[in-house]
Amino acid sequence: MRIVKGVVALLAAVIIGFAGWLYFAPPDLIRVGSQYSAKIVCSNVFLAERDPQATLETDVQAPGHWLLRLMNVSVDRTAGVVRAGLLGVFGGGLSVYREGQGCAAVPDGDLDAVRAQSAPPPSQVAAPGDGVWPEGGTVEPLEDIELYAVLNDEALVGPGMRAVVVVRDGRIVGERYGEGFDEKTRLLGWSMTKSVTAALIGRLVREGRISVEETGLFANWTDERSKISVADMLGMASDLTWNEDYGDVSDVTRMLYLEPDMAGFAASMPLDAETQGGIGEVFEYSSGTTVMLSRIWENVFDSPTEALAFPRDALFGPLGMTSAVLETDARGTFVGSSYLYATARDWARMGQFLLQRGVWNGHSLLPVGFVDWMVEPHPASGGEYGRGHVWRRAPNAWLPGDNPDLPEDAFFMSGHDGQSVSIVPSENLVVVRLGLTPSRLNYKPAFLVQALIDTLDRAE
């Protein structure tokens, strides 16, 4: 009995000691997991109108690190606040919703500072009327058995599919939604947001407010970094040190979930001393780069309020993307690398806009030739990435196995966990595919695009 009591006492001491260690000094991995859980649940509750527990289980815990399975969340809908923590206690996850700005992670816990920031004025953009998409909200799909055979082929749409929208000749010809999702559900694009950031910069280039050749981008870049241009950053060739690994505490996870000032953190990175090359010569995919670009373009405005209204007024509104919400960080900078929520139909509008080379309803919203420049392969990437935050390589083409030979003019918006907008100008085709499909499942949306090309060509 004495031995049993001793073992119990020892275990109790270990548990109490471990709990105390976590409470007073939570490891960064637990903090990242807590902030991530709070942020994802917050956005899905307040933007996508989803159930918090279901979101935690399906979007956070099921596909993620084992520690995430120990996370609990609480939602205060009145205050717009979501808290999360390991066993509901450790990690201090905190996210807050703001109207028109979505949810922001608040890693320093200063809710008052976040709420005191400028806010965009209420939207005056009217929802699309009864006309046919994209001018209106009415969809007239093709009555094509083969097309819907493709859209109902689970191997082609992939595991975890939440939405597929097919646009041919400027009209939605077919769409399908996963269980619990529909044409009104806002869905996260992850890194597809980067292409939208490039389009926003293009709008400012057209207005003469920024140049892609601009250098001296941050006050603290008084060394060789002062030579980095906007064009270098749009091509992911800044030569700044960066780690884009999502499996641990890396530069990107630290930026997104532990830093209230994401752009400031990214701009503190030095040039990479280990690369064989220099600025403009080395490809390094970096979400930090795009968040810095967001800060750079926001700085051209006289006030934060003007900057916050710009995406809606200059791009989303003209395109009819009334569902689109580009979220900011805790300091008011757009997280232009990762956090745009929009319906699948509105993501299709963005794809169609790029297919039309920046022209919408007969008006050129981007400089003539800007989209062609975006799509032009950047030499530093070996032809896989464009000069303006789009991919020339099909999403997940690097996974083992064959890849279909899509038309050479195809280019792509691509995001984490299976998000893609495939744009094929020679076929006048845009294919949106959204879902929750980690790369370990080996899904390649290019096979869906090829099957749709073959089917639609036969139907003509």
Protein backbone atom coordinates (compact mmCIF):
# COMPACT_ATOMS: atom_id res chain seq x y z
CA MET A 1 0.00 0.00 0.00
CA ARG A 2 2.87 2.35 0.86
CA ILE A 3 4.40 1.73 -2.60
CA VAL A 4 1.09 2.43 -4.34
CA LYS A 5 0.68 5.68 -2.42
CA GLY A 6 4.21 6.65 -3.36
CA VAL A 7 3.58 6.03 -7.06
CA VAL A 8 0.32 8.00 -6.94
CA ALA A 9 2.06 10.89 -5.20
CA LEU A 10 4.86 10.86 -7.75
CA LEU A 11 2.43 10.87 -10.67
CA ALA A 12 0.45 13.70 -9.08
CA ALA A 13 3.63 15.71 -8.61
CA VAL A 14 4.63 15.15 -12.23
CA ILE A 15 1.18 16.15 -13.52
CA ILE A 16 1.04 19.26 -11.30
CA GLY A 17 4.57 20.22 -12.28
CA PHE A 18 3.88 19.75 -15.97
CA ALA A 19 0.64 21.74 -15.73
CA GLY A 20 2.45 24.53 -13.89
CA TRP A 21 5.20 24.60 -16.51
CA LEU A 22 2.62 24.86 -19.28
CA TYR A 23 0.69 27.56 -17.48
CA PHE A 24 3.61 29.84 -16.75
CA ALA A 25 5.65 29.23 -19.91
CA PRO A 26 3.60 27.58 -22.66
CA PRO A 27 5.88 26.27 -25.43
CA ASP A 28 5.59 28.04 -28.75
CA LEU A 29 4.10 24.96 -30.39
CA ILE A 30 1.19 24.97 -27.95
CA ARG A 31 0.76 28.72 -28.42
CA VAL A 32 0.71 28.31 -32.21
CA GLY A 33 -1.83 25.51 -31.92
CA SER A 34 -4.03 27.53 -29.59
CA GLN A 35 -3.94 30.66 -31.74
CA TYR A 36 -4.55 28.63 -34.89
CA SER A 37 -7.55 26.89 -33.32
CA ALA A 38 -9.07 30.18 -32.15
CA LYS A 39 -8.47 31.91 -35.50
CA ILE A 40 -9.89 29.14 -37.73
CA VAL A 41 -12.95 28.65 -35.54
CA CYS A 42 -13.55 32.42 -35.32
CA SER A 43 -13.51 32.93 -39.09
CA ASN A 44 -15.70 29.93 -39.76
CA VAL A 45 -18.26 30.94 -37.14
CA PHE A 46 -18.55 34.63 -38.04
CA LEU A 47 -17.86 34.54 -41.80
CA ALA A 48 -18.99 31.08 -42.90
CA GLU A 49 -21.73 30.66 -40.26
CA ARG A 50 -20.52 27.21 -39.31
CA ASP A 51 -20.82 25.38 -36.00
CA PRO A 52 -17.76 26.00 -33.77
CA GLN A 53 -17.37 22.45 -32.49
CA ALA A 54 -17.79 20.93 -35.94
CA THR A 55 -15.20 23.36 -37.30
CA LEU A 56 -12.78 22.50 -34.50
CA GLU A 57 -13.16 18.78 -35.15
CA THR A 58 -13.09 18.77 -38.96
CA ASP A 59 -10.93 21.78 -39.88
CA VAL A 60 -8.48 21.87 -36.98
CA GLN A 61 -8.20 18.56 -35.20
CA ALA A 62 -8.77 15.94 -37.89
CA PRO A 63 -6.10 17.06 -40.40
CA GLY A 64 -3.62 18.59 -37.95
CA HIS A 65 -0.88 17.94 -35.38
CA TRP A 66 -1.78 15.55 -32.57
CA LEU A 67 -1.66 18.40 -30.04
CA LEU A 68 -4.62 19.98 -31.79
CA ARG A 69 -6.76 17.05 -30.69
CA LEU A 70 -6.41 18.34 -27.13
CA MET A 71 -7.66 21.83 -27.96
CA ASN A 72 -10.93 23.21 -26.63
CA VAL A 73 -12.64 26.40 -27.79
CA SER A 74 -15.20 28.78 -26.37
CA VAL A 75 -17.17 31.30 -28.46
CA ASP A 76 -18.66 34.56 -27.21
CA ARG A 77 -20.91 35.54 -30.12
CA THR A 78 -21.97 38.81 -28.48
CA ALA A 79 -18.39 40.04 -28.02
CA GLY A 80 -17.15 38.40 -31.22
CA VAL A 81 -14.39 36.63 -29.31
CA VAL A 82 -13.10 33.06 -29.58
CA ARG A 83 -10.70 31.58 -27.05
CA ALA A 84 -8.83 28.28 -27.36
CA GLY A 85 -6.31 26.32 -25.40
CA LEU A 86 -4.80 22.95 -24.76
CA LEU A 87 -7.33 21.20 -22.51
CA GLY A 88 -9.07 24.57 -22.53
CA VAL A 89 -6.35 26.08 -20.32
CA PHE A 90 -2.89 26.27 -21.86
CA GLY A 91 -1.74 28.37 -24.81
CA GLY A 92 -3.93 31.46 -24.58
CA GLY A 93 -5.48 31.27 -28.04
CA LEU A 94 -7.50 34.41 -28.76
CA SER A 95 -9.22 35.71 -31.88
CA VAL A 96 -11.64 38.60 -32.38
CA TYR A 97 -14.17 39.35 -35.12
CA ARG A 98 -14.55 42.86 -36.59
CA GLU A 99 -17.26 43.77 -39.10
CA GLY A 100 -15.80 44.08 -42.59
CA GLN A 101 -12.38 42.80 -41.50
CA GLY A 102 -13.13 39.27 -40.39
CA CYS A 103 -11.18 37.67 -37.55
CA ALA A 104 -7.70 38.46 -36.30
CA ALA A 105 -5.47 36.38 -34.07
CA VAL A 106 -4.53 38.39 -30.97
CA PRO A 107 -1.34 36.71 -29.73
CA ASP A 108 -0.46 39.52 -27.30
CA GLY A 109 -3.96 39.38 -25.76
CA ASP A 110 -4.58 43.11 -26.26
CA LEU A 111 -8.18 43.12 -27.45
CA ASP A 112 -8.60 46.81 -26.68
CA ALA A 113 -5.79 47.74 -29.07
CA VAL A 114 -7.36 45.72 -31.86
CA ARG A 115 -10.82 47.17 -31.32
CA ALA A 116 -9.45 50.72 -31.20
CA GLN A 117 -8.10 50.53 -34.74
CA SER A 118 -9.70 52.12 -37.77
CA ALA A 119 -12.48 50.18 -39.48
CA PRO A 120 -13.65 50.24 -43.08
CA PRO A 121 -16.84 52.20 -43.72
CA PRO A 122 -20.00 50.13 -44.27
CA SER A 123 -20.22 48.59 -47.71
CA GLN A 124 -22.33 50.40 -50.29
CA VAL A 125 -21.89 47.64 -52.89
CA ALA A 126 -25.17 46.02 -53.93
CA ALA A 127 -25.39 42.26 -54.28
CA PRO A 128 -25.67 40.91 -57.85
CA GLY A 129 -29.23 41.06 -59.17
CA ASP A 130 -31.31 38.47 -60.99
CA GLY A 131 -29.21 38.47 -64.16
CA VAL A 132 -27.08 35.54 -65.27
CA TRP A 133 -23.73 35.05 -63.52
CA PRO A 134 -21.33 36.86 -63.39
CA GLU A 135 -23.37 40.01 -64.00
CA GLY A 136 -26.05 38.65 -61.67
CA GLY A 137 -26.57 35.79 -59.29
CA THR A 138 -28.50 33.40 -61.55
CA VAL A 139 -26.74 30.25 -62.75
CA GLU A 140 -27.92 28.34 -65.81
CA PRO A 141 -25.90 25.08 -65.82
CA LEU A 142 -25.55 22.83 -68.82
CA GLU A 143 -27.76 19.77 -68.96
CA ASP A 144 -24.88 17.49 -69.78
CA ILE A 145 -24.76 13.98 -68.33
CA GLU A 146 -21.03 13.59 -68.98
CA LEU A 147 -20.24 16.88 -67.26
CA TYR A 148 -22.05 15.85 -64.11
CA ALA A 149 -20.45 12.42 -64.26
CA VAL A 150 -17.11 14.24 -63.94
CA LEU A 151 -18.34 16.43 -61.10
CA ASN A 152 -19.62 13.36 -59.24
CA ASP A 153 -16.43 11.36 -59.72
CA GLU A 154 -14.93 11.32 -56.21
CA ALA A 155 -11.45 10.58 -57.53
CA LEU A 156 -11.56 13.68 -59.74
CA VAL A 157 -13.07 16.16 -57.25
CA GLY A 158 -10.94 14.67 -54.49
CA PRO A 159 -11.40 13.82 -50.82
CA GLY A 160 -12.72 16.62 -48.66
CA MET A 161 -14.21 18.52 -51.60
CA ARG A 162 -16.41 21.42 -50.50
CA ALA A 163 -17.07 23.22 -53.78
CA VAL A 164 -16.37 22.88 -57.49
CA VAL A 165 -17.44 25.58 -59.95
CA VAL A 166 -16.82 25.28 -63.70
CA VAL A 167 -16.88 28.39 -65.90
CA ARG A 168 -16.82 28.06 -69.69
CA ASP A 169 -17.08 31.03 -72.05
CA GLY A 170 -17.81 33.33 -69.12
CA ARG A 171 -20.75 31.36 -67.67
CA ILE A 172 -21.03 28.80 -64.90
CA VAL A 173 -21.83 25.56 -66.71
CA GLY A 174 -21.71 23.26 -63.70
CA GLU A 175 -21.09 23.22 -59.97
CA ARG A 176 -21.17 20.85 -57.03
CA TYR A 177 -20.97 21.33 -53.27
CA GLY A 178 -19.96 19.06 -50.43
CA GLU A 179 -22.29 18.17 -47.59
CA GLY A 180 -22.93 21.17 -45.37
CA PHE A 181 -21.72 23.71 -47.95
CA ASP A 182 -23.48 25.61 -50.72
CA GLU A 183 -23.18 28.57 -53.07
CA LYS A 184 -23.55 30.99 -50.14
CA THR A 185 -20.77 29.53 -47.96
CA ARG A 186 -17.64 31.64 -47.64
CA LEU A 187 -14.59 29.42 -48.03
CA LEU A 188 -10.95 30.14 -47.22
CA GLY A 189 -8.57 30.38 -50.16
CA TRP A 190 -5.35 30.23 -48.14
CA SER A 191 -2.49 31.10 -50.55
CA MET A 192 -4.83 31.77 -53.46
CA THR A 193 -5.12 35.09 -51.62
CA LYS A 194 -1.61 35.92 -52.85
CA SER A 195 -2.84 36.26 -56.43
CA VAL A 196 -5.54 38.66 -55.22
CA THR A 197 -2.86 40.76 -53.51
CA ALA A 198 -1.03 40.98 -56.84
CA ALA A 199 -4.25 42.18 -58.50
CA LEU A 200 -4.68 44.86 -55.82
CA ILE A 201 -1.15 46.07 -56.50
CA GLY A 202 -2.02 46.10 -60.21
CA ARG A 203 -4.96 48.39 -59.44
CA LEU A 204 -2.60 50.81 -57.70
CA VAL A 205 -0.10 50.58 -60.56
CA ARG A 206 -2.90 51.59 -62.94
CA GLU A 207 -3.65 54.58 -60.71
CA GLY A 208 0.03 55.58 -60.69
CA ARG A 209 0.26 55.21 -56.91
CA ILE A 210 2.87 52.46 -56.87
CA SER A 211 5.46 50.97 -59.23
CA VAL A 212 6.67 47.40 -59.41
CA GLU A 213 10.20 48.81 -59.78
CA GLU A 214 9.95 50.68 -56.48
CA THR A 215 12.73 49.97 -53.95
CA GLY A 216 13.61 51.18 -50.45
CA LEU A 217 10.43 49.54 -49.24
CA PHE A 218 10.93 49.57 -45.45
CA ALA A 219 12.60 52.12 -43.18
CA ASN A 220 14.71 49.44 -41.49
CA TRP A 221 16.06 48.19 -44.82
CA THR A 222 19.13 50.41 -44.81
CA ASP A 223 21.45 47.59 -45.94
CA GLU A 224 21.39 45.56 -49.17
CA ARG A 225 17.68 44.94 -48.62
CA SER A 226 17.05 48.48 -49.81
CA LYS A 227 17.64 47.15 -53.35
CA ILE A 228 14.68 44.72 -53.17
CA SER A 229 11.89 45.83 -55.50
CA VAL A 230 8.15 45.19 -55.50
CA ALA A 231 8.73 43.08 -58.63
CA ASP A 232 11.30 40.95 -56.81
CA MET A 233 8.77 40.29 -54.06
CA LEU A 234 5.90 39.52 -56.44
CA GLY A 235 8.13 36.90 -58.06
CA MET A 236 9.16 35.46 -54.66
CA ALA A 237 12.76 36.40 -55.43
CA SER A 238 13.63 38.86 -52.64
CA ASP A 239 16.41 36.59 -51.28
CA LEU A 240 15.15 37.16 -47.74
CA THR A 241 15.53 34.34 -45.23
CA TRP A 242 12.25 32.47 -44.74
CA ASN A 243 10.94 29.06 -43.64
CA GLU A 244 7.48 28.21 -45.05
CA ASP A 245 7.15 24.86 -43.23
CA TYR A 246 3.68 24.40 -41.71
CA GLY A 247 4.49 21.28 -39.70
CA ASP A 248 6.15 23.02 -36.73
CA VAL A 249 6.99 26.43 -35.31
CA SER A 250 8.51 28.05 -38.38
CA ASP A 251 8.72 31.57 -39.76
CA VAL A 252 5.28 31.30 -41.37
CA THR A 253 3.48 29.78 -38.37
CA ARG A 254 5.18 32.24 -36.03
CA MET A 255 4.11 35.13 -38.24
CA LEU A 256 0.49 34.01 -38.60
CA TYR A 257 -0.14 33.00 -34.99
CA LEU A 258 2.45 34.52 -32.64
CA GLU A 259 3.10 37.98 -34.10
CA PRO A 260 0.52 40.80 -33.80
CA ASP A 261 2.47 42.82 -36.40
CA MET A 262 2.99 40.25 -39.15
CA ALA A 263 4.55 42.62 -41.69
CA GLY A 264 6.96 44.01 -39.13
CA PHE A 265 8.09 40.50 -38.23
CA ALA A 266 8.60 39.51 -41.87
CA ALA A 267 10.47 42.76 -42.64
CA SER A 268 12.94 41.98 -39.84
CA MET A 269 14.29 39.00 -41.78
CA PRO A 270 17.84 39.34 -43.16
CA LEU A 271 19.03 38.39 -46.61
CA ASP A 272 19.77 34.68 -46.89
CA ALA A 273 23.53 34.27 -46.61
CA GLU A 274 23.37 30.63 -47.71
CA THR A 275 21.82 31.06 -51.17
CA GLN A 276 23.84 30.85 -54.34
CA GLY A 277 22.66 34.02 -55.99
CA GLY A 278 21.11 37.26 -54.86
CA ILE A 279 18.12 39.55 -55.04
CA GLY A 280 15.98 38.68 -58.05
CA GLU A 281 17.89 35.44 -58.68
CA VAL A 282 16.71 33.01 -55.98
CA PHE A 283 13.15 31.69 -55.66
CA GLU A 284 11.92 31.36 -52.07
CA TYR A 285 8.17 30.90 -51.60
CA SER A 286 7.19 33.09 -48.66
CA SER A 287 3.91 34.13 -47.11
CA GLY A 288 5.89 36.78 -45.26
CA THR A 289 6.72 38.37 -48.59
CA THR A 290 3.05 38.83 -49.45
CA VAL A 291 2.14 40.24 -46.04
CA MET A 292 4.95 42.78 -46.49
CA LEU A 293 3.52 43.65 -49.91
CA SER A 294 0.17 44.26 -48.21
CA ARG A 295 1.81 46.71 -45.82
CA ILE A 296 3.63 48.37 -48.74
CA TRP A 297 0.49 49.00 -50.77
CA GLU A 298 -1.50 50.08 -47.72
CA ASN A 299 1.16 52.71 -46.99
CA VAL A 300 0.33 54.61 -50.19
CA PHE A 301 -2.95 55.76 -48.61
CA ASP A 302 -3.28 58.80 -46.39
CA SER A 303 -5.34 56.96 -43.77
CA PRO A 304 -5.89 53.37 -42.59
CA THR A 305 -9.62 53.75 -43.27
CA GLU A 306 -8.96 54.43 -46.97
CA ALA A 307 -6.63 51.45 -47.18
CA LEU A 308 -9.12 49.12 -45.49
CA ALA A 309 -11.84 50.11 -47.97
CA PHE A 310 -9.64 49.73 -51.05
CA PRO A 311 -9.99 45.97 -51.78
CA ARG A 312 -13.77 46.20 -51.62
CA ASP A 313 -14.08 49.49 -53.51
CA ALA A 314 -11.41 48.91 -56.17
CA LEU A 315 -11.71 45.18 -56.86
CA PHE A 316 -14.34 43.12 -55.07
CA GLY A 317 -17.14 45.60 -55.68
CA PRO A 318 -16.57 46.05 -59.42
CA LEU A 319 -16.32 42.25 -59.85
CA GLY A 320 -19.51 41.60 -57.87
CA MET A 321 -17.55 39.68 -55.20
CA THR A 322 -19.87 40.83 -52.44
CA SER A 323 -19.06 37.83 -50.22
CA ALA A 324 -15.31 38.53 -50.18
CA VAL A 325 -13.69 39.40 -46.84
CA LEU A 326 -9.93 39.97 -46.73
CA GLU A 327 -8.89 39.70 -43.09
CA THR A 328 -6.34 41.83 -41.27
CA ASP A 329 -3.88 41.06 -38.51
CA ALA A 330 -3.98 42.53 -35.01
CA ARG A 331 -2.27 45.71 -36.24
CA GLY A 332 -4.61 46.30 -39.20
CA THR A 333 -2.46 44.96 -42.05
CA PHE A 334 -4.24 42.74 -44.56
CA VAL A 335 -3.05 39.14 -44.35
CA GLY A 336 -2.75 39.15 -48.14
CA SER A 337 -0.87 35.88 -48.12
CA SER A 338 -3.56 33.69 -46.65
CA TYR A 339 -6.85 35.04 -45.36
CA LEU A 340 -9.43 35.78 -48.03
CA TYR A 341 -12.87 34.22 -47.50
CA ALA A 342 -15.33 34.17 -50.41
CA THR A 343 -17.98 31.93 -51.93
CA ALA A 344 -16.89 29.52 -54.64
CA ARG A 345 -18.79 31.60 -57.20
CA ASP A 346 -16.89 34.70 -56.12
CA TRP A 347 -13.57 32.86 -56.35
CA ALA A 348 -14.70 32.00 -59.89
CA ARG A 349 -15.24 35.70 -60.57
CA MET A 350 -11.61 36.35 -59.63
CA GLY A 351 -10.46 33.55 -61.93
CA GLN A 352 -12.58 34.90 -64.78
CA PHE A 353 -11.18 38.39 -64.18
CA LEU A 354 -7.63 37.07 -64.63
CA LEU A 355 -8.66 35.05 -67.68
CA GLN A 356 -10.04 38.29 -69.17
CA ARG A 357 -6.66 39.94 -68.52
CA GLY A 358 -8.00 42.38 -65.96
CA VAL A 359 -10.97 43.57 -68.00
CA TRP A 360 -14.48 43.50 -66.49
CA ASN A 361 -17.69 44.71 -68.10
CA GLY A 362 -15.62 46.37 -70.79
CA HIS A 363 -13.47 48.31 -68.33
CA SER A 364 -9.77 47.64 -67.78
CA LEU A 365 -9.21 47.56 -64.01
CA LEU A 366 -5.53 46.64 -64.35
CA PRO A 367 -2.83 48.14 -66.57
CA VAL A 368 -2.84 46.77 -70.10
CA GLY A 369 -0.51 43.77 -70.13
CA PHE A 370 -0.31 43.48 -66.34
CA VAL A 371 -1.88 40.00 -66.15
CA ASP A 372 0.36 38.84 -68.99
CA TRP A 373 3.28 40.08 -66.90
CA MET A 374 1.92 38.28 -63.79
CA VAL A 375 1.73 35.01 -65.72
CA GLU A 376 5.14 35.29 -67.39
CA PRO A 377 7.43 32.67 -65.76
CA HIS A 378 9.96 34.18 -63.39
CA PRO A 379 13.49 32.95 -64.24
CA ALA A 380 14.34 32.39 -60.56
CA SER A 381 11.58 29.75 -60.27
CA GLY A 382 12.72 27.68 -63.23
CA GLY A 383 9.45 28.48 -64.97
CA GLU A 384 7.16 27.16 -62.20
CA TYR A 385 6.04 30.52 -60.77
CA GLY A 386 4.95 33.69 -62.53
CA ARG A 387 6.24 37.22 -62.02
CA GLY A 388 3.06 38.20 -60.20
CA HIS A 389 2.05 35.68 -57.54
CA VAL A 390 0.52 33.00 -59.78
CA TRP A 391 1.71 29.46 -60.44
CA ARG A 392 2.62 28.08 -63.85
CA ARG A 393 2.94 24.59 -62.36
CA ALA A 394 -0.34 22.78 -61.64
CA PRO A 395 -1.16 22.46 -57.91
CA ASN A 396 0.42 19.36 -56.33
CA ALA A 397 2.23 18.45 -59.56
CA TRP A 398 5.25 17.74 -57.37
CA LEU A 399 3.49 14.78 -55.71
CA PRO A 400 4.49 11.25 -56.82
CA GLY A 401 2.77 9.91 -59.94
CA ASP A 402 1.79 11.13 -63.37
CA ASN A 403 0.47 14.57 -64.25
CA PRO A 404 -1.86 15.42 -67.14
CA ASP A 405 -0.53 17.62 -69.92
CA LEU A 406 -2.72 20.68 -69.53
CA PRO A 407 -2.54 23.42 -72.19
CA GLU A 408 0.69 25.42 -72.00
CA ASP A 409 -1.14 28.69 -71.33
CA ALA A 410 -2.77 27.37 -68.14
CA PHE A 411 -1.94 29.15 -64.90
CA PHE A 412 -3.12 28.70 -61.35
CA MET A 413 -4.09 30.21 -58.05
CA SER A 414 -3.13 27.62 -55.46
CA GLY A 415 -3.72 27.34 -51.71
CA HIS A 416 -3.02 25.11 -48.73
CA ASP A 417 -5.04 21.90 -48.27
CA GLY A 418 -6.39 21.61 -51.80
CA GLN A 419 -7.60 25.08 -52.82
CA SER A 420 -7.17 25.92 -56.51
CA VAL A 421 -8.44 28.11 -59.30
CA SER A 422 -7.25 26.79 -62.66
CA ILE A 423 -7.34 29.28 -65.53
CA VAL A 424 -7.00 27.96 -69.10
CA PRO A 425 -7.28 30.83 -71.60
CA SER A 426 -7.08 28.61 -74.73
CA GLU A 427 -10.15 26.73 -73.48
CA ASN A 428 -11.88 29.84 -72.11
CA LEU A 429 -12.15 27.82 -68.90
CA VAL A 430 -11.97 28.52 -65.18
CA VAL A 431 -12.22 25.70 -62.63
CA VAL A 432 -12.57 26.44 -58.91
CA ARG A 433 -11.95 23.57 -56.54
CA LEU A 434 -12.15 24.17 -52.77
CA GLY A 435 -12.00 21.74 -49.89
CA LEU A 436 -10.00 20.34 -47.01
CA THR A 437 -7.52 17.99 -48.67
CA PRO A 438 -4.03 17.77 -47.14
CA SER A 439 -1.27 17.04 -49.65
CA ARG A 440 -0.55 13.69 -47.98
CA LEU A 441 -3.74 12.44 -49.67
CA ASN A 442 -1.98 12.88 -53.04
CA TYR A 443 -4.87 14.69 -54.72
CA LYS A 444 -4.09 16.51 -57.98
CA PRO A 445 -6.81 18.87 -59.25
CA ALA A 446 -5.19 18.95 -62.71
CA PHE A 447 -6.88 15.62 -63.51
CA LEU A 448 -10.26 17.24 -62.81
CA VAL A 449 -9.37 20.12 -65.13
CA GLN A 450 -8.27 17.77 -67.91
CA ALA A 451 -11.44 15.67 -67.59
CA LEU A 452 -13.55 18.83 -67.82
CA ILE A 453 -11.69 20.02 -70.91
CA ASP A 454 -12.22 16.66 -72.62
CA THR A 455 -15.90 16.53 -71.67
CA LEU A 456 -16.74 20.11 -72.62
CA ASP A 457 -14.88 19.83 -75.93
CA ARG A 458 -16.91 16.73 -76.82
CA ALA A 459 -20.15 18.53 -75.95
CA GLU A 460 -19.51 21.29 -78.51
